[in-house]
């Protein structure tokens, strides 16, 4: 299982890397900027993307829009992980094709649960705990 974390906050990157590699034995890739994240979606073809909304260079909405418009990456589940709790942001993310929306601060177990729910929808095997 390969997970891409697109997040500009280094402390959050480190927490997610630690939780996901130790708890699930996944391979975790990290991007700190929007354009880098979109490029890694295209080249790494992760099984799941955890995507911050506010990123340097390109916001999460634009990354999601581009990934969902591309035939090669359209089916990759994208879960927003953001500090933006506004219902309008949640609605926009879901309208763009997001598989989930988690508001920071987050519970690592909730992230694993959301990833497993997203994988079930695309009929991929769940993460091992």
Protein backbone atom coordinates (compact mmCIF):
# COMPACT_ATOMS: atom_id res chain seq x y z
CA UNK A 1 0.00 0.00 0.00
CA UNK A 2 1.34 3.42 -0.98
CA UNK A 3 0.07 6.63 0.60
CA UNK A 4 0.94 10.14 -0.52
CA UNK A 5 0.74 12.89 2.10
CA UNK A 6 0.55 16.39 0.60
CA UNK A 7 1.08 18.67 3.59
CA UNK A 8 3.28 21.73 4.12
CA UNK A 9 3.51 21.50 7.92
CA UNK A 10 6.58 19.39 8.71
CA UNK A 11 5.32 18.35 12.16
CA UNK A 12 2.09 16.99 10.66
CA UNK A 13 4.08 15.24 7.92
CA UNK A 14 6.20 13.52 10.56
CA UNK A 15 3.19 12.42 12.64
CA UNK A 16 1.43 11.00 9.60
CA UNK A 17 4.57 9.22 8.37
CA UNK A 18 5.12 7.70 11.80
CA UNK A 19 1.51 6.60 12.31
CA UNK A 20 1.04 5.22 8.82
CA UNK A 21 4.35 3.39 8.54
CA UNK A 22 4.22 1.89 12.04
CA UNK A 23 0.53 1.18 12.39
CA UNK A 24 -0.11 -0.02 8.86
CA UNK A 25 3.28 -0.88 7.31
CA UNK A 26 2.48 1.35 4.34
CA UNK A 27 4.98 3.06 2.10
CA UNK A 28 4.49 6.80 2.68
CA UNK A 29 5.56 9.57 0.30
CA UNK A 30 5.45 13.24 1.27
CA UNK A 31 5.07 16.42 -0.78
CA UNK A 32 5.28 19.88 0.79
CA UNK A 33 3.92 22.01 -2.06
CA UNK A 34 0.91 21.82 -4.34
CA UNK A 35 2.63 21.35 -7.72
CA UNK A 36 4.97 18.72 -6.22
CA UNK A 37 1.96 16.88 -4.79
CA UNK A 38 0.15 16.80 -8.13
CA UNK A 39 3.29 15.57 -9.87
CA UNK A 40 3.70 12.79 -7.29
CA UNK A 41 0.08 11.73 -7.78
CA UNK A 42 0.81 11.38 -11.48
CA UNK A 43 4.17 9.64 -11.16
CA UNK A 44 3.87 7.54 -7.97
CA UNK A 45 0.23 6.51 -8.51
CA UNK A 46 -0.42 6.10 -4.76
CA UNK A 47 -3.29 3.98 -3.48
CA UNK A 48 -4.55 6.92 -1.36
CA UNK A 49 -3.76 10.64 -1.07
CA UNK A 50 -4.04 12.63 2.17
CA UNK A 51 -4.30 16.23 0.97
CA UNK A 52 -4.08 19.51 2.82
CA UNK A 53 -6.23 22.32 1.47
CA UNK A 54 -3.94 25.31 1.92
CA UNK A 55 -0.59 24.63 0.23
CA UNK A 56 2.09 26.76 -1.39
CA UNK A 57 1.91 26.97 -5.16
CA UNK A 58 -1.48 25.29 -5.68
CA UNK A 59 -4.31 24.63 -3.25
CA UNK A 60 -5.79 21.24 -2.50
CA UNK A 61 -8.96 21.95 -4.48
CA UNK A 62 -6.89 22.52 -7.63
CA UNK A 63 -4.84 19.38 -7.02
CA UNK A 64 -8.00 17.31 -6.55
CA UNK A 65 -9.64 18.87 -9.64
CA UNK A 66 -6.59 18.05 -11.78
CA UNK A 67 -6.19 14.51 -10.42
CA UNK A 68 -9.86 13.69 -10.96
CA UNK A 69 -9.77 15.13 -14.51
CA UNK A 70 -6.90 12.83 -15.50
CA UNK A 71 -7.93 9.34 -16.63
CA UNK A 72 -4.73 7.84 -15.14
CA UNK A 73 -5.34 9.21 -11.62
CA UNK A 74 -9.13 9.62 -11.49
CA UNK A 75 -9.75 6.53 -9.35
CA UNK A 76 -7.16 7.35 -6.64
CA UNK A 77 -9.05 8.19 -3.43
CA UNK A 78 -8.25 11.65 -2.09
CA UNK A 79 -8.95 12.46 1.55
CA UNK A 80 -8.68 16.09 2.56
CA UNK A 81 -6.88 16.69 5.85
CA UNK A 82 -7.28 20.36 6.65
CA UNK A 83 -7.86 23.05 9.25
CA UNK A 84 -10.83 24.39 7.23
CA UNK A 85 -14.03 23.19 8.98
CA UNK A 86 -16.45 25.31 6.94
CA UNK A 87 -19.36 23.39 5.39
CA UNK A 88 -18.76 25.15 2.06
CA UNK A 89 -15.18 23.79 1.92
CA UNK A 90 -16.38 20.28 2.76
CA UNK A 91 -19.09 20.50 0.08
CA UNK A 92 -16.62 21.76 -2.52
CA UNK A 93 -14.14 18.98 -1.75
CA UNK A 94 -16.82 16.32 -2.02
CA UNK A 95 -18.17 17.84 -5.26
CA UNK A 96 -14.65 17.60 -6.71
CA UNK A 97 -14.61 13.86 -5.97
CA UNK A 98 -12.92 13.66 -2.57
CA UNK A 99 -13.32 10.37 -0.73
CA UNK A 100 -13.28 12.03 2.69
CA UNK A 101 -12.67 15.20 4.68
CA UNK A 102 -10.92 15.28 8.06
CA UNK A 103 -10.51 18.47 10.08
CA UNK A 104 -7.31 19.15 12.03
CA UNK A 105 -6.49 18.45 14.78
CA UNK A 106 -7.08 14.83 13.88
CA UNK A 107 -7.23 11.43 15.51
CA UNK A 108 -4.81 9.05 13.75
CA UNK A 109 -7.31 6.19 14.11
CA UNK A 110 -9.90 8.27 12.26
CA UNK A 111 -7.43 8.74 9.42
CA UNK A 112 -6.86 4.99 9.15
CA UNK A 113 -10.63 4.41 9.26
CA UNK A 114 -11.20 6.99 6.50
CA UNK A 115 -8.47 5.41 4.38
CA UNK A 116 -10.06 1.98 4.81
CA UNK A 117 -13.50 3.34 3.89
CA UNK A 118 -12.06 4.94 0.77
CA UNK A 119 -10.26 1.72 -0.18
CA UNK A 120 -13.49 -0.26 0.24
CA UNK A 121 -15.22 2.03 -2.23
CA UNK A 122 -12.53 1.32 -4.84
CA UNK A 123 -12.41 -2.36 -3.83
CA UNK A 124 -8.80 -2.33 -2.63
CA UNK A 125 -7.64 -4.38 0.37
CA UNK A 126 -7.82 -2.50 3.70
CA UNK A 127 -4.77 -1.43 5.67
CA UNK A 128 -3.44 -4.02 8.08
CA UNK A 129 -3.22 -2.85 11.69
